Amino acid sequence: MGSFSIWHWLIVLIVVVLVFGTKKLGNVGSDLGKAVKGFKDGVKGEDEKSPKADEQKTIDVETKDKSTH
């Protein structure tokens, strides 16, 4: 029960390709890449949106104060 050799990994790879096919595996890789990119953009987007949302609230409050006076 040692570590797997290169031949074990090669056989596993061949079985996976036979079961799923190369096109399906390519789609899985592409989908995974899009998911990671979307996650990064979402995390980056939240950091950028937070200050802007606060600024808009301040502008809205100032506008309401000016209209009541």
N, C-alpha and C. Protein backbone atom coordinates (compact mmCIF):
# COMPACT_ATOMS: atom_id res chain seq x y z
N MET A 1 0.83 -1.19 0.00
CA MET A 1 0.00 0.00 0.00
C MET A 1 0.87 1.25 0.00
N GLY A 2 1.82 1.36 -0.88
CA GLY A 2 2.66 2.54 -1.00
C GLY A 2 2.01 3.58 -1.89
N SER A 3 2.79 4.54 -2.30
CA SER A 3 2.26 5.55 -3.20
C SER A 3 2.08 4.95 -4.60
N PHE A 4 1.26 5.58 -5.38
CA PHE A 4 0.99 5.08 -6.72
C PHE A 4 2.15 5.43 -7.65
N SER A 5 2.46 4.53 -8.53
CA SER A 5 3.50 4.79 -9.52
C SER A 5 2.89 5.50 -10.72
N ILE A 6 3.71 5.88 -11.64
CA ILE A 6 3.25 6.56 -12.85
C ILE A 6 2.32 5.67 -13.66
N TRP A 7 2.54 4.36 -13.61
CA TRP A 7 1.68 3.44 -14.36
C TRP A 7 0.27 3.38 -13.78
N HIS A 8 0.15 3.46 -12.47
CA HIS A 8 -1.18 3.49 -11.85
C HIS A 8 -1.94 4.74 -12.29
N TRP A 9 -1.28 5.89 -12.27
CA TRP A 9 -1.92 7.13 -12.66
C TRP A 9 -2.28 7.12 -14.15
N LEU A 10 -1.45 6.52 -14.96
CA LEU A 10 -1.72 6.43 -16.39
C LEU A 10 -2.96 5.58 -16.65
N ILE A 11 -3.09 4.47 -15.96
CA ILE A 11 -4.27 3.61 -16.11
C ILE A 11 -5.52 4.34 -15.64
N VAL A 12 -5.44 5.05 -14.54
CA VAL A 12 -6.59 5.81 -14.03
C VAL A 12 -6.99 6.87 -15.06
N LEU A 13 -6.01 7.56 -15.63
CA LEU A 13 -6.29 8.58 -16.65
C LEU A 13 -6.99 7.97 -17.86
N ILE A 14 -6.52 6.82 -18.32
CA ILE A 14 -7.13 6.15 -19.47
C ILE A 14 -8.56 5.75 -19.17
N VAL A 15 -8.81 5.22 -17.99
CA VAL A 15 -10.17 4.83 -17.61
C VAL A 15 -11.09 6.05 -17.56
N VAL A 16 -10.61 7.15 -16.99
CA VAL A 16 -11.42 8.37 -16.91
C VAL A 16 -11.74 8.90 -18.30
N VAL A 17 -10.76 8.90 -19.18
CA VAL A 17 -11.00 9.37 -20.55
C VAL A 17 -11.99 8.46 -21.26
N LEU A 18 -11.89 7.16 -21.06
CA LEU A 18 -12.83 6.23 -21.70
C LEU A 18 -14.25 6.41 -21.16
N VAL A 19 -14.37 6.67 -19.88
CA VAL A 19 -15.70 6.82 -19.29
C VAL A 19 -16.35 8.14 -19.69
N PHE A 20 -15.61 9.24 -19.55
CA PHE A 20 -16.19 10.56 -19.78
C PHE A 20 -15.98 11.09 -21.19
N GLY A 21 -14.95 10.69 -21.86
CA GLY A 21 -14.65 11.21 -23.19
C GLY A 21 -13.87 12.51 -23.09
N THR A 22 -13.10 12.80 -24.13
CA THR A 22 -12.25 13.98 -24.10
C THR A 22 -13.05 15.27 -24.17
N LYS A 23 -14.14 15.28 -24.92
CA LYS A 23 -14.95 16.49 -25.03
C LYS A 23 -15.57 16.86 -23.69
N LYS A 24 -16.08 15.88 -23.00
CA LYS A 24 -16.71 16.12 -21.70
C LYS A 24 -15.67 16.63 -20.70
N LEU A 25 -14.47 16.06 -20.71
CA LEU A 25 -13.42 16.51 -19.81
C LEU A 25 -12.98 17.93 -20.14
N GLY A 26 -12.95 18.29 -21.41
CA GLY A 26 -12.63 19.65 -21.82
C GLY A 26 -13.66 20.64 -21.33
N ASN A 27 -14.93 20.25 -21.39
CA ASN A 27 -16.00 21.12 -20.91
C ASN A 27 -15.91 21.32 -19.40
N VAL A 28 -15.56 20.26 -18.69
CA VAL A 28 -15.43 20.36 -17.24
C VAL A 28 -14.30 21.32 -16.88
N GLY A 29 -13.18 21.22 -17.58
CA GLY A 29 -12.06 22.13 -17.33
C GLY A 29 -12.42 23.57 -17.63
N SER A 30 -13.13 23.79 -18.72
CA SER A 30 -13.56 25.13 -19.09
C SER A 30 -14.53 25.71 -18.06
N ASP A 31 -15.49 24.90 -17.65
CA ASP A 31 -16.46 25.35 -16.64
C ASP A 31 -15.79 25.67 -15.32
N LEU A 32 -14.82 24.86 -14.95
CA LEU A 32 -14.10 25.10 -13.70
C LEU A 32 -13.32 26.42 -13.79
N GLY A 33 -12.70 26.68 -14.92
CA GLY A 33 -11.97 27.94 -15.11
C GLY A 33 -12.90 29.14 -15.04
N LYS A 34 -14.08 29.05 -15.65
CA LYS A 34 -15.05 30.15 -15.60
C LYS A 34 -15.55 30.37 -14.18
N ALA A 35 -15.74 29.30 -13.43
CA ALA A 35 -16.20 29.42 -12.05
C ALA A 35 -15.16 30.13 -11.18
N VAL A 36 -13.90 29.76 -11.37
CA VAL A 36 -12.84 30.40 -10.59
C VAL A 36 -12.74 31.88 -10.95
N LYS A 37 -12.82 32.20 -12.24
CA LYS A 37 -12.75 33.59 -12.67
C LYS A 37 -13.95 34.38 -12.12
N GLY A 38 -15.12 33.79 -12.17
CA GLY A 38 -16.31 34.45 -11.62
C GLY A 38 -16.18 34.70 -10.12
N PHE A 39 -15.62 33.74 -9.42
CA PHE A 39 -15.43 33.90 -7.98
C PHE A 39 -14.46 35.05 -7.69
N LYS A 40 -13.35 35.10 -8.45
CA LYS A 40 -12.37 36.18 -8.26
C LYS A 40 -13.00 37.53 -8.57
N ASP A 41 -13.76 37.61 -9.66
CA ASP A 41 -14.42 38.88 -10.01
C ASP A 41 -15.45 39.27 -8.95
N GLY A 42 -16.14 38.30 -8.39
CA GLY A 42 -17.13 38.58 -7.35
C GLY A 42 -16.48 39.11 -6.09
N VAL A 43 -15.37 38.52 -5.71
CA VAL A 43 -14.67 38.99 -4.51
C VAL A 43 -14.09 40.38 -4.77
N LYS A 44 -13.52 40.57 -5.94
CA LYS A 44 -12.95 41.88 -6.29
C LYS A 44 -14.06 42.91 -6.41
N GLY A 45 -15.20 42.53 -6.95
CA GLY A 45 -16.33 43.44 -7.15
C GLY A 45 -16.93 43.92 -5.83
N GLU A 46 -16.99 43.07 -4.83
CA GLU A 46 -17.54 43.48 -3.54
C GLU A 46 -16.69 44.55 -2.89
N ASP A 47 -15.38 44.45 -3.01
CA ASP A 47 -14.49 45.45 -2.45
C ASP A 47 -14.69 46.80 -3.13
N GLU A 48 -14.92 46.78 -4.42
CA GLU A 48 -15.09 48.02 -5.16
C GLU A 48 -16.48 48.62 -4.95
N LYS A 49 -17.49 47.80 -4.76
CA LYS A 49 -18.85 48.28 -4.64
C LYS A 49 -19.14 48.89 -3.27
N SER A 50 -18.50 48.44 -2.24
CA SER A 50 -18.79 48.91 -0.90
C SER A 50 -18.61 50.42 -0.74
N PRO A 51 -17.48 51.01 -1.12
CA PRO A 51 -17.34 52.46 -0.96
C PRO A 51 -18.32 53.23 -1.83
N LYS A 52 -18.59 52.75 -3.02
CA LYS A 52 -19.52 53.45 -3.90
C LYS A 52 -20.92 53.45 -3.32
N ALA A 53 -21.33 52.35 -2.71
CA ALA A 53 -22.66 52.29 -2.11
C ALA A 53 -22.76 53.28 -0.96
N ASP A 54 -21.71 53.42 -0.17
CA ASP A 54 -21.71 54.38 0.93
C ASP A 54 -21.78 55.81 0.41
N GLU A 55 -21.05 56.10 -0.66
CA GLU A 55 -21.07 57.43 -1.25
C GLU A 55 -22.46 57.76 -1.78
N GLN A 56 -23.13 56.81 -2.40
CA GLN A 56 -24.45 57.05 -2.94
C GLN A 56 -25.44 57.31 -1.82
N LYS A 57 -25.31 56.61 -0.71
CA LYS A 57 -26.19 56.85 0.41
C LYS A 57 -26.00 58.25 0.94
N THR A 58 -24.76 58.70 1.01
CA THR A 58 -24.49 60.04 1.50
C THR A 58 -25.08 61.08 0.55
N ILE A 59 -24.95 60.88 -0.73
CA ILE A 59 -25.50 61.80 -1.71
C ILE A 59 -27.01 61.83 -1.59
N ASP A 60 -27.65 60.68 -1.43
CA ASP A 60 -29.09 60.63 -1.29
C ASP A 60 -29.55 61.37 -0.05
N VAL A 61 -28.84 61.23 1.04
CA VAL A 61 -29.22 61.89 2.28
C VAL A 61 -29.07 63.41 2.12
N GLU A 62 -27.99 63.84 1.49
CA GLU A 62 -27.78 65.27 1.28
C GLU A 62 -28.87 65.83 0.38
N THR A 63 -29.26 65.10 -0.63
CA THR A 63 -30.30 65.55 -1.54
C THR A 63 -31.62 65.68 -0.80
N LYS A 64 -31.95 64.72 0.06
CA LYS A 64 -33.20 64.80 0.82
C LYS A 64 -33.17 65.97 1.79
N ASP A 65 -32.01 66.23 2.42
CA ASP A 65 -31.91 67.35 3.35
C ASP A 65 -32.10 68.67 2.63
N LYS A 66 -31.55 68.80 1.43
CA LYS A 66 -31.68 70.04 0.68
C LYS A 66 -33.11 70.28 0.22
N SER A 67 -33.81 69.22 -0.09
CA SER A 67 -35.17 69.39 -0.60
C SER A 67 -36.15 69.75 0.52
N THR A 68 -35.86 69.38 1.76
CA THR A 68 -36.77 69.69 2.87
C THR A 68 -36.55 71.09 3.39
N HIS A 69 -35.39 71.73 3.14
CA HIS A 69 -35.12 73.06 3.66
C HIS A 69 -35.56 74.12 2.72
